[in-house]
Amino acid sequence: MMEKYECSLCGYVYDPADGDPDNGVEPGTAFADISEDWVCPLCGAGKDMFERVE
């Protein structure tokens, strides 16, 4: 099971099962495999602002 990651600024949760198709991330893509220039679709924060959800 792939881990979910939450934006520490706005609370958006990236779920690998859903991906982020609107921004070019296919369902099934692990957070680590997302391009480094991807940003939070809600607030625009960078990947460095996301933390793994326990």
C-alpha atoms as a PDB file:
ATOM      1  CA  MET A   1       0.000   0.000   0.000  1.00  0.00           C
ATOM      2  CA  MET A   2       1.359   3.387  -0.993  1.00  0.00           C
ATOM      3  CA  GLU A   3       1.541   6.173   1.547  1.00  0.00           C
ATOM      4  CA  LYS A   4      -0.558   9.338   1.483  1.00  0.00           C
ATOM      5  CA  TYR A   5       1.007  12.758   1.927  1.00  0.00           C
ATOM      6  CA  GLU A   6      -0.615  15.896   3.352  1.00  0.00           C
ATOM      7  CA  CYS A   7       0.158  19.520   2.492  1.00  0.00           C
ATOM      8  CA  SER A   8       1.214  21.224   5.716  1.00  0.00           C
ATOM      9  CA  LEU A   9      -0.134  24.559   4.456  1.00  0.00           C
ATOM     10  CA  CYS A  10      -3.689  23.753   3.343  1.00  0.00           C
ATOM     11  CA  GLY A  11      -4.384  20.155   4.371  1.00  0.00           C
ATOM     12  CA  TYR A  12      -4.737  18.704   0.848  1.00  0.00           C
ATOM     13  CA  VAL A  13      -4.002  14.962   0.953  1.00  0.00           C
ATOM     14  CA  TYR A  14      -2.254  13.359  -2.019  1.00  0.00           C
ATOM     15  CA  ASP A  15      -3.582   9.814  -2.375  1.00  0.00           C
ATOM     16  CA  PRO A  16      -1.523   7.671  -4.778  1.00  0.00           C
ATOM     17  CA  ALA A  17      -4.629   5.639  -5.640  1.00  0.00           C
ATOM     18  CA  ASP A  18      -6.212   8.799  -7.080  1.00  0.00           C
ATOM     19  CA  GLY A  19      -3.108  10.588  -8.343  1.00  0.00           C
ATOM     20  CA  ASP A  20      -3.611  14.137  -9.623  1.00  0.00           C
ATOM     21  CA  PRO A  21      -4.803  13.612 -13.221  1.00  0.00           C
ATOM     22  CA  ASP A  22      -5.658  17.299 -13.685  1.00  0.00           C
ATOM     23  CA  ASN A  23      -1.962  18.055 -13.241  1.00  0.00           C
ATOM     24  CA  GLY A  24      -0.471  15.122 -15.129  1.00  0.00           C
ATOM     25  CA  VAL A  25      -0.042  12.621 -12.291  1.00  0.00           C
ATOM     26  CA  GLU A  26      -1.634   9.296 -13.168  1.00  0.00           C
ATOM     27  CA  PRO A  27      -3.474   7.214 -10.541  1.00  0.00           C
ATOM     28  CA  GLY A  28      -1.099   4.712  -8.967  1.00  0.00           C
ATOM     29  CA  THR A  29       1.834   7.148  -8.865  1.00  0.00           C
ATOM     30  CA  ALA A  30       3.767   7.087  -5.580  1.00  0.00           C
ATOM     31  CA  PHE A  31       4.476  10.499  -4.053  1.00  0.00           C
ATOM     32  CA  ALA A  32       8.236   9.913  -4.417  1.00  0.00           C
ATOM     33  CA  ASP A  33       7.763   9.374  -8.161  1.00  0.00           C
ATOM     34  CA  ILE A  34       6.003  12.697  -8.794  1.00  0.00           C
ATOM     35  CA  SER A  35       8.070  15.301 -10.623  1.00  0.00           C
ATOM     36  CA  GLU A  36       9.942  17.683  -8.298  1.00  0.00           C
ATOM     37  CA  ASP A  37       8.228  20.678  -9.935  1.00  0.00           C
ATOM     38  CA  TRP A  38       4.731  19.388  -9.048  1.00  0.00           C
ATOM     39  CA  VAL A  39       2.853  21.658  -6.632  1.00  0.00           C
ATOM     40  CA  CYS A  40      -0.187  21.276  -4.399  1.00  0.00           C
ATOM     41  CA  PRO A  41      -3.279  21.606  -6.617  1.00  0.00           C
ATOM     42  CA  LEU A  42      -5.074  23.642  -3.949  1.00  0.00           C
ATOM     43  CA  CYS A  43      -2.500  26.128  -2.658  1.00  0.00           C
ATOM     44  CA  GLY A  44       0.551  25.801  -4.925  1.00  0.00           C
ATOM     45  CA  ALA A  45       2.953  24.649  -2.202  1.00  0.00           C
ATOM     46  CA  GLY A  46       5.976  22.627  -3.310  1.00  0.00           C
ATOM     47  CA  LYS A  47       6.561  18.943  -2.580  1.00  0.00           C
ATOM     48  CA  ASP A  48       8.811  19.928   0.337  1.00  0.00           C
ATOM     49  CA  MET A  49       5.732  21.195   2.201  1.00  0.00           C
ATOM     50  CA  PHE A  50       4.131  17.725   2.263  1.00  0.00           C
ATOM     51  CA  GLU A  51       4.412  15.279   5.133  1.00  0.00           C
ATOM     52  CA  ARG A  52       3.619  11.571   5.178  1.00  0.00           C
ATOM     53  CA  VAL A  53       0.268  10.763   6.760  1.00  0.00           C
ATOM     54  CA  GLU A  54       0.562   8.169   9.523  1.00  0.00           C
END
